[in-house]
Amino acid sequence: MLSRSSLGFVGTFGNNSVRTPNRFRCNRCKPSSEFVGVTLNPKKVQLVRGAFYPTPYPFPRLEPVVAIRHGDRLKKLGKPADQRKALIRALTTELLRHGRIKTTLARAKVVRSFADKMISLSKEGTLHARRQALAFIYDKQLVHALFEQAPERYADRNGGYTRIFHTMPRKGDNAEMGVIELV
């Protein structure tokens, strides 16, 4: 059985040293009169910007709570990045070609933002915008038609060029389905 003294923690380091294992540390951070639940009492502290973390100090420490949001702007759709990009490009191309497609709700919500971006590019009408659309949409003739028709069709709109309807769930796996269409 290992003891604290055999591990070299007593005398060498304090009870709350960085190298002291948690099971040997003295918990000196006890609730005080200004401590209520997991935040400080709002009567004594004007602004609470963070959360309480147990520390070896005799006072609570306030630190900003940081939630790292790497890679959450776009739904993953259960696919690797290359397959996801190809799927979104294909669905956006077909939506712009046919004006309406039936797909799952998750895919429809992702395609909505890309279709709106392509229509916004066509309303700009610049050469750079045309090249950006050509790089994304698979059909070159579709891009030319989009740049001819979309500016007058959506002249009074600043966004919201698509609409999503909920439909019956898919028969095989009960996935939520929807129809996305151009307004």
C-alpha atoms as a PDB file:
ATOM      1  CA  MET A   1       0.000   0.000   0.000  1.00  0.00           C
ATOM      2  CA  LEU A   2       1.388   3.348  -1.008  1.00  0.00           C
ATOM      3  CA  SER A   3       1.190   6.118   1.498  1.00  0.00           C
ATOM      4  CA  ARG A   4       1.504   9.845   1.076  1.00  0.00           C
ATOM      5  CA  SER A   5       4.953   9.879   2.620  1.00  0.00           C
ATOM      6  CA  SER A   6       6.216   7.020   0.440  1.00  0.00           C
ATOM      7  CA  LEU A   7       5.124   8.915  -2.657  1.00  0.00           C
ATOM      8  CA  GLY A   8       7.148  11.935  -1.571  1.00  0.00           C
ATOM      9  CA  PHE A   9       4.275  14.350  -1.232  1.00  0.00           C
ATOM     10  CA  VAL A  10       4.535  15.201   2.454  1.00  0.00           C
ATOM     11  CA  GLY A  11       7.270  17.688   3.196  1.00  0.00           C
ATOM     12  CA  THR A  12       8.427  17.920  -0.403  1.00  0.00           C
ATOM     13  CA  PHE A  13       5.288  19.621  -1.666  1.00  0.00           C
ATOM     14  CA  GLY A  14       2.391  21.224   0.132  1.00  0.00           C
ATOM     15  CA  ASN A  15      -1.013  19.605   0.448  1.00  0.00           C
ATOM     16  CA  ASN A  16      -2.243  21.517  -2.569  1.00  0.00           C
ATOM     17  CA  SER A  17       0.822  21.415  -4.764  1.00  0.00           C
ATOM     18  CA  VAL A  18       0.447  21.009  -8.492  1.00  0.00           C
ATOM     19  CA  ARG A  19       2.022  17.560  -8.321  1.00  0.00           C
ATOM     20  CA  THR A  20      -0.164  16.368  -5.456  1.00  0.00           C
ATOM     21  CA  PRO A  21      -2.814  13.897  -6.642  1.00  0.00           C
ATOM     22  CA  ASN A  22      -6.404  15.011  -6.199  1.00  0.00           C
ATOM     23  CA  ARG A  23      -7.179  12.304  -3.655  1.00  0.00           C
ATOM     24  CA  PHE A  24      -4.563  13.787  -1.297  1.00  0.00           C
ATOM     25  CA  ARG A  25      -5.493  17.440  -1.708  1.00  0.00           C
ATOM     26  CA  CYS A  26      -7.103  19.422   1.070  1.00  0.00           C
ATOM     27  CA  ASN A  27     -10.383  20.904  -0.062  1.00  0.00           C
ATOM     28  CA  ARG A  28     -10.148  24.396   1.414  1.00  0.00           C
ATOM     29  CA  CYS A  29     -12.671  25.919  -0.947  1.00  0.00           C
ATOM     30  CA  LYS A  30     -15.740  25.855   1.235  1.00  0.00           C
ATOM     31  CA  PRO A  31     -19.005  27.728   0.601  1.00  0.00           C
ATOM     32  CA  SER A  32     -19.017  31.146   2.191  1.00  0.00           C
ATOM     33  CA  SER A  33     -21.831  33.512   3.112  1.00  0.00           C
ATOM     34  CA  GLU A  34     -21.745  35.095  -0.329  1.00  0.00           C
ATOM     35  CA  PHE A  35     -21.970  31.756  -2.070  1.00  0.00           C
ATOM     36  CA  VAL A  36     -25.386  30.548  -3.278  1.00  0.00           C
ATOM     37  CA  GLY A  37     -25.608  27.320  -5.254  1.00  0.00           C
ATOM     38  CA  VAL A  38     -23.120  27.486  -8.082  1.00  0.00           C
ATOM     39  CA  THR A  39     -22.991  31.276  -8.467  1.00  0.00           C
ATOM     40  CA  LEU A  40     -22.191  34.129  -6.160  1.00  0.00           C
ATOM     41  CA  ASN A  41     -24.960  35.974  -4.400  1.00  0.00           C
ATOM     42  CA  PRO A  42     -26.151  38.709  -6.793  1.00  0.00           C
ATOM     43  CA  LYS A  43     -26.675  41.127  -3.878  1.00  0.00           C
ATOM     44  CA  LYS A  44     -22.961  41.133  -3.086  1.00  0.00           C
ATOM     45  CA  VAL A  45     -21.560  40.728  -6.608  1.00  0.00           C
ATOM     46  CA  GLN A  46     -22.712  42.999  -9.400  1.00  0.00           C
ATOM     47  CA  LEU A  47     -21.797  40.876 -12.429  1.00  0.00           C
ATOM     48  CA  VAL A  48     -21.168  37.158 -12.584  1.00  0.00           C
ATOM     49  CA  ARG A  49     -19.321  36.292 -15.778  1.00  0.00           C
ATOM     50  CA  GLY A  50     -18.369  32.672 -15.416  1.00  0.00           C
ATOM     51  CA  ALA A  51     -18.808  29.665 -13.248  1.00  0.00           C
ATOM     52  CA  PHE A  52     -17.337  28.430 -10.011  1.00  0.00           C
ATOM     53  CA  TYR A  53     -14.473  25.973 -10.205  1.00  0.00           C
ATOM     54  CA  PRO A  54     -13.114  24.265  -7.055  1.00  0.00           C
ATOM     55  CA  THR A  55      -9.609  25.568  -6.408  1.00  0.00           C
ATOM     56  CA  PRO A  56      -7.047  25.060  -3.676  1.00  0.00           C
ATOM     57  CA  TYR A  57      -7.564  28.706  -2.679  1.00  0.00           C
ATOM     58  CA  PRO A  58      -9.805  29.793   0.215  1.00  0.00           C
ATOM     59  CA  PHE A  59     -11.956  31.917  -2.129  1.00  0.00           C
ATOM     60  CA  PRO A  60     -14.016  31.032  -5.178  1.00  0.00           C
ATOM     61  CA  ARG A  61     -12.477  31.823  -8.543  1.00  0.00           C
ATOM     62  CA  LEU A  62     -14.547  33.282 -11.353  1.00  0.00           C
ATOM     63  CA  GLU A  63     -13.439  32.454 -14.885  1.00  0.00           C
ATOM     64  CA  PRO A  64     -15.263  32.962 -18.142  1.00  0.00           C
ATOM     65  CA  VAL A  65     -16.942  29.819 -19.373  1.00  0.00           C
ATOM     66  CA  VAL A  66     -15.571  29.058 -22.819  1.00  0.00           C
ATOM     67  CA  ALA A  67     -17.523  26.762 -25.092  1.00  0.00           C
ATOM     68  CA  ILE A  68     -15.390  25.791 -28.060  1.00  0.00           C
ATOM     69  CA  ARG A  69     -17.522  25.715 -31.191  1.00  0.00           C
ATOM     70  CA  HIS A  70     -15.188  24.219 -33.758  1.00  0.00           C
ATOM     71  CA  GLY A  71     -16.981  22.848 -36.802  1.00  0.00           C
ATOM     72  CA  ASP A  72     -20.605  23.375 -35.808  1.00  0.00           C
ATOM     73  CA  ARG A  73     -21.676  25.871 -38.472  1.00  0.00           C
ATOM     74  CA  LEU A  74     -22.709  23.122 -40.851  1.00  0.00           C
ATOM     75  CA  LYS A  75     -24.581  19.932 -40.098  1.00  0.00           C
ATOM     76  CA  LYS A  76     -22.414  16.877 -40.686  1.00  0.00           C
ATOM     77  CA  LEU A  77     -25.259  14.859 -42.237  1.00  0.00           C
ATOM     78  CA  GLY A  78     -23.478  11.656 -41.240  1.00  0.00           C
ATOM     79  CA  LYS A  79     -20.957  11.934 -44.065  1.00  0.00           C
ATOM     80  CA  PRO A  80     -17.274  12.765 -44.511  1.00  0.00           C
ATOM     81  CA  ALA A  81     -16.457  16.257 -45.735  1.00  0.00           C
ATOM     82  CA  ASP A  82     -15.967  15.381 -49.411  1.00  0.00           C
ATOM     83  CA  GLN A  83     -19.192  13.378 -49.653  1.00  0.00           C
ATOM     84  CA  ARG A  84     -21.097  16.049 -47.731  1.00  0.00           C
ATOM     85  CA  LYS A  85     -19.893  18.799 -50.061  1.00  0.00           C
ATOM     86  CA  ALA A  86     -20.806  16.751 -53.150  1.00  0.00           C
ATOM     87  CA  LEU A  87     -24.260  16.001 -51.716  1.00  0.00           C
ATOM     88  CA  ILE A  88     -24.943  19.661 -50.909  1.00  0.00           C
ATOM     89  CA  ARG A  89     -23.759  20.786 -54.340  1.00  0.00           C
ATOM     90  CA  ALA A  90     -25.921  18.175 -56.061  1.00  0.00           C
ATOM     91  CA  LEU A  91     -29.025  19.008 -54.024  1.00  0.00           C
ATOM     92  CA  THR A  92     -28.521  22.746 -54.578  1.00  0.00           C
ATOM     93  CA  THR A  93     -28.080  22.214 -58.319  1.00  0.00           C
ATOM     94  CA  GLU A  94     -31.251  20.121 -58.548  1.00  0.00           C
ATOM     95  CA  LEU A  95     -33.217  22.613 -56.449  1.00  0.00           C
ATOM     96  CA  LEU A  96     -32.226  25.460 -58.758  1.00  0.00           C
ATOM     97  CA  ARG A  97     -32.960  23.338 -61.842  1.00  0.00           C
ATOM     98  CA  HIS A  98     -36.370  21.974 -60.823  1.00  0.00           C
ATOM     99  CA  GLY A  99     -37.509  24.595 -58.312  1.00  0.00           C
ATOM    100  CA  ARG A 100     -38.599  21.936 -55.820  1.00  0.00           C
ATOM    101  CA  ILE A 101     -37.035  18.775 -54.383  1.00  0.00           C
ATOM    102  CA  LYS A 102     -38.048  16.247 -51.747  1.00  0.00           C
ATOM    103  CA  THR A 103     -35.379  15.290 -49.227  1.00  0.00           C
ATOM    104  CA  THR A 104     -34.853  14.839 -45.498  1.00  0.00           C
ATOM    105  CA  LEU A 105     -35.432  17.863 -43.288  1.00  0.00           C
ATOM    106  CA  ALA A 106     -31.810  17.983 -42.137  1.00  0.00           C
ATOM    107  CA  ARG A 107     -30.569  18.068 -45.729  1.00  0.00           C
ATOM    108  CA  ALA A 108     -33.210  20.615 -46.717  1.00  0.00           C
ATOM    109  CA  LYS A 109     -32.135  22.963 -43.919  1.00  0.00           C
ATOM    110  CA  VAL A 110     -28.515  22.761 -45.048  1.00  0.00           C
ATOM    111  CA  VAL A 111     -29.375  23.214 -48.740  1.00  0.00           C
ATOM    112  CA  ARG A 112     -31.516  26.261 -47.918  1.00  0.00           C
ATOM    113  CA  SER A 113     -28.519  28.384 -46.955  1.00  0.00           C
ATOM    114  CA  PHE A 114     -26.502  27.367 -50.016  1.00  0.00           C
ATOM    115  CA  ALA A 115     -29.390  27.997 -52.415  1.00  0.00           C
ATOM    116  CA  ASP A 116     -29.952  31.419 -50.845  1.00  0.00           C
ATOM    117  CA  LYS A 117     -26.263  32.185 -51.283  1.00  0.00           C
ATOM    118  CA  MET A 118     -26.352  31.215 -54.973  1.00  0.00           C
ATOM    119  CA  ILE A 119     -29.380  33.438 -55.591  1.00  0.00           C
ATOM    120  CA  SER A 120     -27.704  36.305 -53.738  1.00  0.00           C
ATOM    121  CA  LEU A 121     -24.645  35.843 -55.951  1.00  0.00           C
ATOM    122  CA  SER A 122     -26.849  35.981 -59.038  1.00  0.00           C
ATOM    123  CA  LYS A 123     -28.405  39.228 -57.798  1.00  0.00           C
ATOM    124  CA  GLU A 124     -24.934  40.759 -57.489  1.00  0.00           C
ATOM    125  CA  GLY A 125     -24.294  39.963 -61.131  1.00  0.00           C
ATOM    126  CA  THR A 126     -20.545  40.600 -61.042  1.00  0.00           C
ATOM    127  CA  LEU A 127     -17.999  38.465 -62.847  1.00  0.00           C
ATOM    128  CA  HIS A 128     -16.554  37.333 -59.535  1.00  0.00           C
ATOM    129  CA  ALA A 129     -20.001  36.266 -58.290  1.00  0.00           C
ATOM    130  CA  ARG A 130     -20.594  34.359 -61.547  1.00  0.00           C
ATOM    131  CA  ARG A 131     -17.297  32.508 -61.160  1.00  0.00           C
ATOM    132  CA  GLN A 132     -18.117  31.647 -57.555  1.00  0.00           C
ATOM    133  CA  ALA A 133     -21.463  30.210 -58.665  1.00  0.00           C
ATOM    134  CA  LEU A 134     -19.798  28.284 -61.513  1.00  0.00           C
ATOM    135  CA  ALA A 135     -17.387  26.769 -58.996  1.00  0.00           C
ATOM    136  CA  PHE A 136     -20.265  25.494 -56.859  1.00  0.00           C
ATOM    137  CA  ILE A 137     -23.123  24.600 -59.220  1.00  0.00           C
ATOM    138  CA  TYR A 138     -22.500  21.600 -61.473  1.00  0.00           C
ATOM    139  CA  ASP A 139     -24.373  22.853 -64.566  1.00  0.00           C
ATOM    140  CA  LYS A 140     -22.906  25.792 -66.498  1.00  0.00           C
ATOM    141  CA  GLN A 141     -26.136  26.535 -68.406  1.00  0.00           C
ATOM    142  CA  LEU A 142     -28.042  26.555 -65.126  1.00  0.00           C
ATOM    143  CA  VAL A 143     -25.715  29.247 -63.778  1.00  0.00           C
ATOM    144  CA  HIS A 144     -26.261  31.405 -66.859  1.00  0.00           C
ATOM    145  CA  ALA A 145     -30.043  30.974 -66.587  1.00  0.00           C
ATOM    146  CA  LEU A 146     -29.896  31.762 -62.863  1.00  0.00           C
ATOM    147  CA  PHE A 147     -27.963  34.985 -63.478  1.00  0.00           C
ATOM    148  CA  GLU A 148     -30.485  36.034 -66.142  1.00  0.00           C
ATOM    149  CA  GLN A 149     -33.745  35.228 -64.320  1.00  0.00           C
ATOM    150  CA  ALA A 150     -33.077  35.549 -60.581  1.00  0.00           C
ATOM    151  CA  PRO A 151     -32.340  39.308 -60.348  1.00  0.00           C
ATOM    152  CA  GLU A 152     -35.779  40.331 -61.634  1.00  0.00           C
ATOM    153  CA  ARG A 153     -37.603  37.435 -59.957  1.00  0.00           C
ATOM    154  CA  TYR A 154     -36.168  38.204 -56.498  1.00  0.00           C
ATOM    155  CA  ALA A 155     -35.629  41.963 -56.853  1.00  0.00           C
ATOM    156  CA  ASP A 156     -37.950  42.795 -53.930  1.00  0.00           C
ATOM    157  CA  ARG A 157     -36.489  40.141 -51.571  1.00  0.00           C
ATOM    158  CA  ASN A 158     -33.329  40.451 -49.508  1.00  0.00           C
ATOM    159  CA  GLY A 159     -33.267  36.823 -48.441  1.00  0.00           C
ATOM    160  CA  GLY A 160     -35.534  33.899 -47.729  1.00  0.00           C
ATOM    161  CA  TYR A 161     -35.644  32.652 -51.294  1.00  0.00           C
ATOM    162  CA  THR A 162     -36.659  29.121 -50.265  1.00  0.00           C
ATOM    163  CA  ARG A 163     -39.485  27.534 -48.312  1.00  0.00           C
ATOM    164  CA  ILE A 164     -39.512  24.173 -46.501  1.00  0.00           C
ATOM    165  CA  PHE A 165     -42.657  22.073 -46.006  1.00  0.00           C
ATOM    166  CA  HIS A 166     -42.856  19.090 -43.681  1.00  0.00           C
ATOM    167  CA  THR A 167     -44.187  15.915 -45.285  1.00  0.00           C
ATOM    168  CA  MET A 168     -44.887  12.384 -44.102  1.00  0.00           C
ATOM    169  CA  PRO A 169     -41.922  10.432 -42.683  1.00  0.00           C
ATOM    170  CA  ARG A 170     -40.023   8.119 -45.008  1.00  0.00           C
ATOM    171  CA  LYS A 171     -41.445   4.616 -45.059  1.00  0.00           C
ATOM    172  CA  GLY A 172     -38.236   2.623 -44.635  1.00  0.00           C
ATOM    173  CA  ASP A 173     -36.544   4.328 -41.702  1.00  0.00           C
ATOM    174  CA  ASN A 174     -39.147   6.858 -40.507  1.00  0.00           C
ATOM    175  CA  ALA A 175     -36.818   9.775 -41.305  1.00  0.00           C
ATOM    176  CA  GLU A 176     -38.355  13.256 -41.208  1.00  0.00           C
ATOM    177  CA  MET A 177     -38.967  14.322 -44.792  1.00  0.00           C
ATOM    178  CA  GLY A 178     -39.679  17.679 -46.330  1.00  0.00           C
ATOM    179  CA  VAL A 179     -40.054  19.546 -49.584  1.00  0.00           C
ATOM    180  CA  ILE A 180     -37.826  22.533 -50.222  1.00  0.00           C
ATOM    181  CA  GLU A 181     -38.900  24.891 -52.972  1.00  0.00           C
ATOM    182  CA  LEU A 182     -37.978  28.254 -54.399  1.00  0.00           C
ATOM    183  CA  VAL A 183     -40.373  31.050 -53.473  1.00  0.00           C
END
